[in-house]
Amino acid sequence: MTQHRRELPRRRLLFGTAALGAGALLAGCTSNETAPTAAQTKAAETGGNAEPGKRVTIGFSAPAADHGWIAAITSNAKAQAAAYSDVEFKTVEAGADAAAQRAALSTLLSQKPDVIVLLPHDGKELNAFGLEAMKAGIPVVNLDRAFPDARAYRTQIKGDNYGMGVAAATYIVDQLRAKGVTNPIIGEIPGIDSLELTQERSKGFSDTLASFGFKVANRRPAEFTADSGQQAATGLLQALPKMDALWNHDDDQGIGVLAAINQSGRKEFFMVGGAGSKKAMEDIQADNTVLKATVTYSPSMASSAISLARLIGQGKGMSDLVELQVPKEIVLASETITKENAGSYLKLGF
């Protein structure tokens, strides 16, 4: 890995996926197939916590797949559950918004699964459901979009959104310094601005830039889709007739961002992506666009969430830790993918 990050202070314990022990996923499913990958099957057959035990029914809900990352979340969860002979997997449709997902979750709750893994449309809006399930004695594994109340979940696993911003800014600063640019014009295309995760990413980005005396010149939110990315990028390019660097938060919307850039014919700047899609990694390897790096936010966390839910349902802890129970919170580190290391990460792309 070529990433060199100057870590800013934080109060959370960070775990990489390898720390999940024998019962956890080591590499995520990279397609919409639901059959377990070789890594998922191996993770479920390596002894210790992975040995068949008490049967656990895991309920699952995530937003409808309107882009590749969400599709990979559901696919990874199904595949990881299928790798365990002692797991029964029950999924409910999330619906178009938080209210529809809440209604579907009420049905799931009435079925009384042992554990629920939930990626909410919006953590704040579905916090009440987490509280209800926990009060009913059904542990909740809160995936990705955080519940604000710690009582609403047994365990929370998510990517490091703030760290994504730190990683993206650090790469940009390193490249600008290497080029001798002292007063750069930097653009930013975030995802859905109302989401806390987007706000955390932008804060990590702006905080890190500020520590080097830099700032964002123009910022145009998109909605995690290619169409919205193209619209946001078109507006940004018009607002900034010259630019040195651009951070786009999401590689799915990055397809549209690159389309707008190619249409404009602009090449005077470089771009960093976000999340780590297979397409982005291939573009970085080919090195024939302005996209030169992406910072990870891997959907493999859904597979790890299923492994954690299984351990919670069986009353077990993580095999590599001394503690007898699964931790309360796990935050996966954001890594920087460049032309030099993209080949190693392609298997994790979605």
Protein backbone atom coordinates (compact mmCIF):
# COMPACT_ATOMS: atom_id res chain seq x y z
CA MET A 1 0.00 0.00 0.00
CA THR A 2 1.39 3.39 -0.96
CA GLN A 3 -0.77 5.40 1.39
CA HIS A 4 1.02 7.68 3.87
CA ARG A 5 -1.53 9.22 6.20
CA ARG A 6 -1.02 11.72 8.94
CA GLU A 7 -3.67 10.51 11.35
CA LEU A 8 -5.78 13.15 13.06
CA PRO A 9 -6.90 12.49 16.65
CA ARG A 10 -9.95 10.28 17.12
CA ARG A 11 -11.62 8.48 19.99
CA ARG A 12 -12.69 5.29 18.22
CA LEU A 13 -10.81 2.02 18.01
CA LEU A 14 -10.14 1.12 14.39
CA PHE A 15 -10.08 -2.48 13.17
CA GLY A 16 -9.14 -3.78 9.74
CA THR A 17 -11.23 -6.68 8.42
CA ALA A 18 -8.49 -9.16 9.31
CA ALA A 19 -9.12 -8.48 13.00
CA LEU A 20 -12.50 -10.20 12.81
CA GLY A 21 -10.84 -13.55 13.42
CA ALA A 22 -11.61 -16.98 12.05
CA GLY A 23 -15.36 -16.42 11.90
CA ALA A 24 -15.16 -13.30 9.76
CA LEU A 25 -14.81 -12.38 6.12
CA LEU A 26 -11.33 -11.79 4.75
CA ALA A 27 -12.40 -10.65 1.26
CA GLY A 28 -15.75 -9.46 -0.03
CA CYS A 29 -17.96 -10.76 -2.81
CA THR A 30 -17.34 -8.61 -5.84
CA SER A 31 -20.45 -9.18 -7.93
CA ASN A 32 -24.20 -9.50 -7.62
CA GLU A 33 -23.90 -13.29 -7.26
CA THR A 34 -25.06 -14.65 -3.89
CA ALA A 35 -22.94 -17.82 -3.87
CA PRO A 36 -20.10 -17.60 -1.32
CA THR A 37 -16.71 -16.58 -2.66
CA ALA A 38 -13.71 -18.80 -1.98
CA ALA A 39 -12.59 -16.40 0.76
CA GLN A 40 -16.02 -16.42 2.39
CA THR A 41 -16.20 -20.21 2.36
CA LYS A 42 -12.67 -20.48 3.74
CA ALA A 43 -13.51 -18.01 6.51
CA ALA A 44 -16.41 -20.22 7.54
CA GLU A 45 -14.36 -23.44 7.57
CA THR A 46 -11.17 -22.59 9.43
CA GLY A 47 -12.05 -23.97 12.86
CA GLY A 48 -12.60 -22.21 16.18
CA ASN A 49 -15.57 -19.84 15.98
CA ALA A 50 -16.27 -21.03 12.45
CA GLU A 51 -17.14 -24.54 13.60
CA PRO A 52 -20.93 -25.17 13.35
CA GLY A 53 -22.70 -24.28 16.56
CA LYS A 54 -26.06 -23.02 17.78
CA ARG A 55 -28.37 -22.29 14.84
CA VAL A 56 -28.87 -18.55 14.39
CA THR A 57 -31.59 -16.79 12.41
CA ILE A 58 -30.30 -13.47 11.05
CA GLY A 59 -32.74 -10.89 9.73
CA PHE A 60 -31.38 -8.46 7.17
CA SER A 61 -32.48 -5.22 5.52
CA ALA A 62 -30.68 -2.72 3.28
CA PRO A 63 -31.86 -0.03 0.86
CA ALA A 64 -32.80 -1.06 -2.66
CA ALA A 65 -29.80 -1.32 -4.97
CA ASP A 66 -29.81 2.00 -6.81
CA HIS A 67 -26.04 1.77 -7.35
CA GLY A 68 -23.28 -0.82 -7.32
CA TRP A 69 -22.07 -0.35 -3.75
CA ILE A 70 -25.51 -1.05 -2.25
CA ALA A 71 -25.98 -4.03 -4.57
CA ALA A 72 -22.69 -5.44 -3.32
CA ILE A 73 -23.76 -4.91 0.31
CA THR A 74 -26.81 -7.17 -0.09
CA SER A 75 -24.95 -9.67 -2.26
CA ASN A 76 -22.11 -9.95 0.25
CA ALA A 77 -24.50 -10.43 3.16
CA LYS A 78 -26.38 -13.24 1.40
CA ALA A 79 -23.18 -14.95 0.32
CA GLN A 80 -21.61 -14.83 3.78
CA ALA A 81 -24.76 -16.24 5.40
CA ALA A 82 -24.75 -19.07 2.84
CA ALA A 83 -21.19 -19.97 3.88
CA TYR A 84 -22.41 -20.99 7.36
CA SER A 85 -24.39 -24.20 7.86
CA ASP A 86 -25.77 -22.90 11.17
CA VAL A 87 -27.22 -19.61 9.82
CA GLU A 88 -30.74 -19.05 8.53
CA PHE A 89 -30.93 -15.80 6.54
CA LYS A 90 -34.17 -13.80 6.35
CA THR A 91 -34.22 -10.62 4.29
CA VAL A 92 -36.96 -8.02 3.92
CA GLU A 93 -37.31 -5.38 1.23
CA ALA A 94 -36.23 -1.96 2.37
CA GLY A 95 -38.66 0.01 0.21
CA ALA A 96 -38.10 3.41 -1.33
CA ASP A 97 -37.50 5.40 1.85
CA ALA A 98 -37.04 5.18 5.62
CA ALA A 99 -40.79 4.89 6.28
CA ALA A 100 -41.15 1.92 3.91
CA GLN A 101 -38.11 0.23 5.41
CA ARG A 102 -39.54 0.78 8.90
CA ALA A 103 -42.76 -1.00 7.89
CA ALA A 104 -40.83 -3.95 6.45
CA LEU A 105 -38.70 -4.16 9.58
CA SER A 106 -41.83 -4.36 11.74
CA THR A 107 -42.73 -7.54 9.87
CA LEU A 108 -39.23 -8.88 10.40
CA LEU A 109 -39.36 -8.05 14.10
CA SER A 110 -42.59 -10.01 14.50
CA GLN A 111 -40.77 -13.09 13.17
CA LYS A 112 -38.36 -12.84 16.12
CA PRO A 113 -34.99 -13.53 14.50
CA ASP A 114 -32.02 -14.04 16.82
CA VAL A 115 -30.15 -11.02 15.44
CA ILE A 116 -30.93 -8.26 12.92
CA VAL A 117 -28.35 -6.76 10.55
CA LEU A 118 -29.59 -3.42 9.28
CA LEU A 119 -28.23 -0.87 6.85
CA PRO A 120 -30.82 1.90 7.26
CA HIS A 121 -31.95 4.38 4.63
CA ASP A 122 -31.13 6.97 7.27
CA GLY A 123 -29.68 6.15 10.69
CA LYS A 124 -31.41 9.02 12.45
CA GLU A 125 -34.84 8.18 11.06
CA LEU A 126 -34.58 4.47 11.92
CA ASN A 127 -32.96 4.91 15.31
CA ALA A 128 -36.34 4.27 16.97
CA PHE A 129 -36.54 0.85 15.33
CA GLY A 130 -33.13 -0.07 16.68
CA LEU A 131 -34.27 0.90 20.16
CA GLU A 132 -37.46 -1.15 19.76
CA ALA A 133 -35.61 -4.26 18.61
CA MET A 134 -33.00 -4.01 21.34
CA LYS A 135 -35.74 -3.54 23.96
CA ALA A 136 -37.41 -6.69 22.61
CA GLY A 137 -34.21 -8.61 23.24
CA ILE A 138 -33.14 -8.86 19.58
CA PRO A 139 -29.56 -7.58 19.12
CA VAL A 140 -29.06 -5.21 16.19
CA VAL A 141 -25.91 -4.99 14.10
CA ASN A 142 -26.03 -1.46 12.68
CA LEU A 143 -24.31 -1.47 9.30
CA ASP A 144 -22.72 1.60 7.67
CA ARG A 145 -25.26 4.39 8.33
CA ALA A 146 -24.98 5.01 12.02
CA PHE A 147 -27.74 5.16 14.61
CA PRO A 148 -27.07 8.24 16.78
CA ASP A 149 -28.13 6.43 19.98
CA ALA A 150 -25.72 3.73 21.17
CA ARG A 151 -28.65 1.95 22.88
CA ALA A 152 -30.15 1.27 19.43
CA TYR A 153 -27.52 -1.28 18.46
CA ARG A 154 -25.51 -4.12 19.96
CA THR A 155 -22.66 -3.65 17.51
CA GLN A 156 -22.01 -1.05 14.87
CA ILE A 157 -19.72 -1.77 11.90
CA LYS A 158 -18.98 0.84 9.28
CA GLY A 159 -16.32 2.31 7.08
CA ASP A 160 -14.22 5.22 8.26
CA ASN A 161 -16.00 8.12 6.60
CA TYR A 162 -13.87 10.78 8.27
CA GLY A 163 -10.81 8.72 7.37
CA MET A 164 -11.88 8.66 3.70
CA GLY A 165 -11.64 12.42 3.66
CA VAL A 166 -8.29 12.31 5.44
CA ALA A 167 -6.93 9.77 2.96
CA ALA A 168 -8.21 11.65 -0.11
CA ALA A 169 -6.83 14.98 1.11
CA THR A 170 -3.48 13.47 2.09
CA TYR A 171 -3.01 11.97 -1.37
CA ILE A 172 -4.00 15.25 -3.03
CA VAL A 173 -1.64 17.28 -0.84
CA ASP A 174 1.25 14.89 -1.52
CA GLN A 175 0.70 15.15 -5.28
CA LEU A 176 0.37 18.93 -5.24
CA ARG A 177 3.51 19.34 -3.17
CA ALA A 178 5.41 17.05 -5.54
CA LYS A 179 4.34 19.33 -8.41
CA GLY A 180 5.28 22.47 -6.49
CA VAL A 181 1.70 23.81 -6.39
CA THR A 182 1.39 26.17 -3.44
CA ASN A 183 -2.02 27.80 -3.97
CA PRO A 184 -4.18 25.03 -5.46
CA ILE A 185 -7.75 25.18 -6.71
CA ILE A 186 -9.47 22.08 -5.29
CA GLY A 187 -12.97 20.86 -6.13
CA GLU A 188 -15.19 18.40 -4.28
CA ILE A 189 -18.19 16.32 -5.38
CA PRO A 190 -19.76 14.65 -2.32
CA GLY A 191 -22.70 12.28 -2.27
CA ILE A 192 -26.06 12.91 -0.55
CA ASP A 193 -25.38 15.95 1.57
CA SER A 194 -28.06 15.29 4.19
CA LEU A 195 -26.41 12.01 5.27
CA GLU A 196 -24.09 12.12 8.27
CA LEU A 197 -21.61 9.89 6.43
CA THR A 198 -21.25 12.51 3.67
CA GLN A 199 -20.76 15.25 6.24
CA GLU A 200 -18.06 13.19 7.98
CA ARG A 201 -16.23 12.60 4.69
CA SER A 202 -16.27 16.30 3.85
CA LYS A 203 -15.08 17.22 7.34
CA GLY A 204 -12.15 14.82 7.15
CA PHE A 205 -11.27 16.29 3.77
CA SER A 206 -11.53 19.95 4.78
CA ASP A 207 -9.80 19.43 8.15
CA THR A 208 -6.83 17.75 6.51
CA LEU A 209 -6.56 20.30 3.71
CA ALA A 210 -6.71 23.10 6.29
CA SER A 211 -3.84 21.56 8.26
CA PHE A 212 -1.68 22.19 5.16
CA GLY A 213 -3.12 25.64 4.48
CA PHE A 214 -5.38 24.51 1.62
CA LYS A 215 -9.17 24.66 1.16
CA VAL A 216 -11.99 23.55 -1.16
CA ALA A 217 -12.71 26.16 -3.84
CA ASN A 218 -16.06 24.74 -4.96
CA ARG A 219 -18.27 21.88 -3.80
CA ARG A 220 -21.22 20.35 -5.73
CA PRO A 221 -23.19 17.49 -4.06
CA ALA A 222 -24.47 14.55 -6.11
CA GLU A 223 -26.60 11.54 -5.11
CA PHE A 224 -24.36 8.47 -5.48
CA THR A 225 -25.58 7.84 -9.06
CA ALA A 226 -23.87 8.30 -12.42
CA ASP A 227 -26.49 10.76 -13.69
CA SER A 228 -26.25 12.97 -10.62
CA GLY A 229 -22.45 12.79 -10.77
CA GLN A 230 -22.47 14.04 -14.34
CA GLN A 231 -24.78 16.93 -13.45
CA ALA A 232 -22.71 17.92 -10.41
CA ALA A 233 -19.44 17.72 -12.33
CA THR A 234 -20.82 19.84 -15.18
CA GLY A 235 -21.72 22.57 -12.72
CA LEU A 236 -18.37 22.33 -10.95
CA LEU A 237 -16.37 22.54 -14.17
CA GLN A 238 -18.32 25.62 -15.20
CA ALA A 239 -17.71 27.24 -11.80
CA LEU A 240 -13.99 26.46 -11.87
CA PRO A 241 -12.46 27.21 -15.30
CA LYS A 242 -9.13 26.07 -13.86
CA MET A 243 -8.62 23.35 -11.27
CA ASP A 244 -5.67 21.45 -9.78
CA ALA A 245 -7.38 18.55 -8.00
CA LEU A 246 -10.83 17.05 -7.46
CA TRP A 247 -12.20 14.61 -4.90
CA ASN A 248 -15.34 12.70 -5.89
CA HIS A 249 -16.72 10.79 -2.88
CA ASP A 250 -18.24 7.84 -4.72
CA ASP A 251 -16.98 5.73 -7.63
CA ASP A 252 -20.51 4.95 -8.89
CA GLN A 253 -21.31 8.62 -9.34
CA GLY A 254 -17.73 8.92 -10.58
CA ILE A 255 -18.78 7.28 -13.86
CA GLY A 256 -20.89 10.36 -14.55
CA VAL A 257 -18.21 12.68 -13.21
CA LEU A 258 -15.66 11.25 -15.67
CA ALA A 259 -18.20 11.49 -18.49
CA ALA A 260 -18.63 15.21 -17.82
CA ILE A 261 -14.87 15.72 -17.61
CA ASN A 262 -14.27 13.85 -20.87
CA GLN A 263 -17.00 15.85 -22.56
CA SER A 264 -15.38 19.10 -21.41
CA GLY A 265 -11.96 18.06 -22.68
CA ARG A 266 -10.38 19.27 -19.42
CA LYS A 267 -7.13 17.56 -18.37
CA GLU A 268 -5.29 20.12 -16.26
CA PHE A 269 -6.23 18.47 -12.95
CA PHE A 270 -6.23 15.01 -11.35
CA MET A 271 -9.07 13.28 -9.52
CA VAL A 272 -9.40 10.98 -6.51
CA GLY A 273 -12.42 8.69 -6.21
CA GLY A 274 -14.12 7.01 -3.28
CA ALA A 275 -15.30 3.53 -2.18
CA GLY A 276 -13.17 1.39 -4.50
CA SER A 277 -15.24 0.10 -7.43
CA LYS A 278 -13.72 -2.38 -9.86
CA LYS A 279 -14.28 0.09 -12.74
CA ALA A 280 -12.40 2.83 -10.87
CA MET A 281 -9.49 0.49 -10.14
CA GLU A 282 -9.32 -0.55 -13.79
CA ASP A 283 -9.31 3.11 -14.88
CA ILE A 284 -6.54 3.85 -12.37
CA GLN A 285 -4.51 0.92 -13.70
CA ALA A 286 -5.02 2.00 -17.31
CA ASP A 287 -3.90 5.53 -16.36
CA ASN A 288 -5.70 7.12 -19.32
CA THR A 289 -8.09 9.45 -17.44
CA VAL A 290 -7.75 12.14 -14.78
CA LEU A 291 -8.64 9.51 -12.12
CA LYS A 292 -5.38 8.65 -10.39
CA ALA A 293 -6.49 7.16 -7.04
CA THR A 294 -9.49 6.09 -4.98
CA VAL A 295 -9.92 5.71 -1.22
CA THR A 296 -11.70 2.60 0.04
CA TYR A 297 -15.06 2.15 1.71
CA SER A 298 -15.52 -1.54 1.01
CA PRO A 299 -18.93 -3.28 0.88
CA SER A 300 -17.15 -6.32 2.33
CA MET A 301 -18.28 -4.83 5.66
CA ALA A 302 -21.69 -6.48 5.03
CA SER A 303 -20.07 -9.92 5.05
CA SER A 304 -18.28 -9.07 8.27
CA ALA A 305 -21.58 -7.86 9.75
CA ILE A 306 -23.14 -11.28 9.12
CA SER A 307 -20.17 -13.01 10.76
CA LEU A 308 -20.47 -10.71 13.77
CA ALA A 309 -24.24 -11.26 13.98
CA ARG A 310 -23.66 -15.01 14.01
CA LEU A 311 -21.16 -14.71 16.86
CA ILE A 312 -23.51 -12.47 18.83
CA GLY A 313 -26.37 -14.94 18.33
CA GLN A 314 -24.15 -17.76 19.58
CA GLY A 315 -22.85 -15.77 22.54
CA LYS A 316 -19.27 -15.83 21.28
CA GLY A 317 -16.54 -13.26 21.00
CA MET A 318 -13.99 -12.69 18.23
CA SER A 319 -11.36 -15.41 18.24
CA ASP A 320 -8.34 -13.10 18.01
CA LEU A 321 -9.46 -10.94 20.94
CA VAL A 322 -9.21 -11.74 24.64
CA GLU A 323 -12.68 -10.34 25.40
CA LEU A 324 -15.56 -12.82 25.56
CA GLN A 325 -18.01 -10.73 23.54
CA VAL A 326 -18.03 -8.97 20.15
CA PRO A 327 -16.96 -5.29 20.47
CA LYS A 328 -19.53 -2.51 20.51
CA GLU A 329 -18.10 -0.68 17.52
CA ILE A 330 -15.83 -1.57 14.60
CA VAL A 331 -14.60 1.04 12.13
CA LEU A 332 -12.78 -0.21 9.04
CA ALA A 333 -9.80 1.82 7.84
CA SER A 334 -9.89 3.67 4.50
CA GLU A 335 -6.99 2.73 2.25
CA THR A 336 -5.60 4.54 -0.78
CA ILE A 337 -5.54 2.69 -4.11
CA THR A 338 -3.19 3.93 -6.82
CA LYS A 339 -1.77 2.55 -10.08
CA GLU A 340 0.97 0.85 -8.08
CA ASN A 341 -1.29 -1.27 -5.84
CA ALA A 342 -4.60 -1.46 -7.75
CA GLY A 343 -3.91 -5.04 -8.84
CA SER A 344 -3.92 -6.22 -5.22
CA TYR A 345 -7.31 -4.61 -4.53
CA LEU A 346 -9.23 -5.62 -7.67
CA LYS A 347 -10.64 -8.72 -5.96
CA LEU A 348 -12.37 -6.43 -3.47
CA GLY A 349 -13.86 -4.13 -6.10
CA PHE A 350 -17.62 -4.03 -6.56
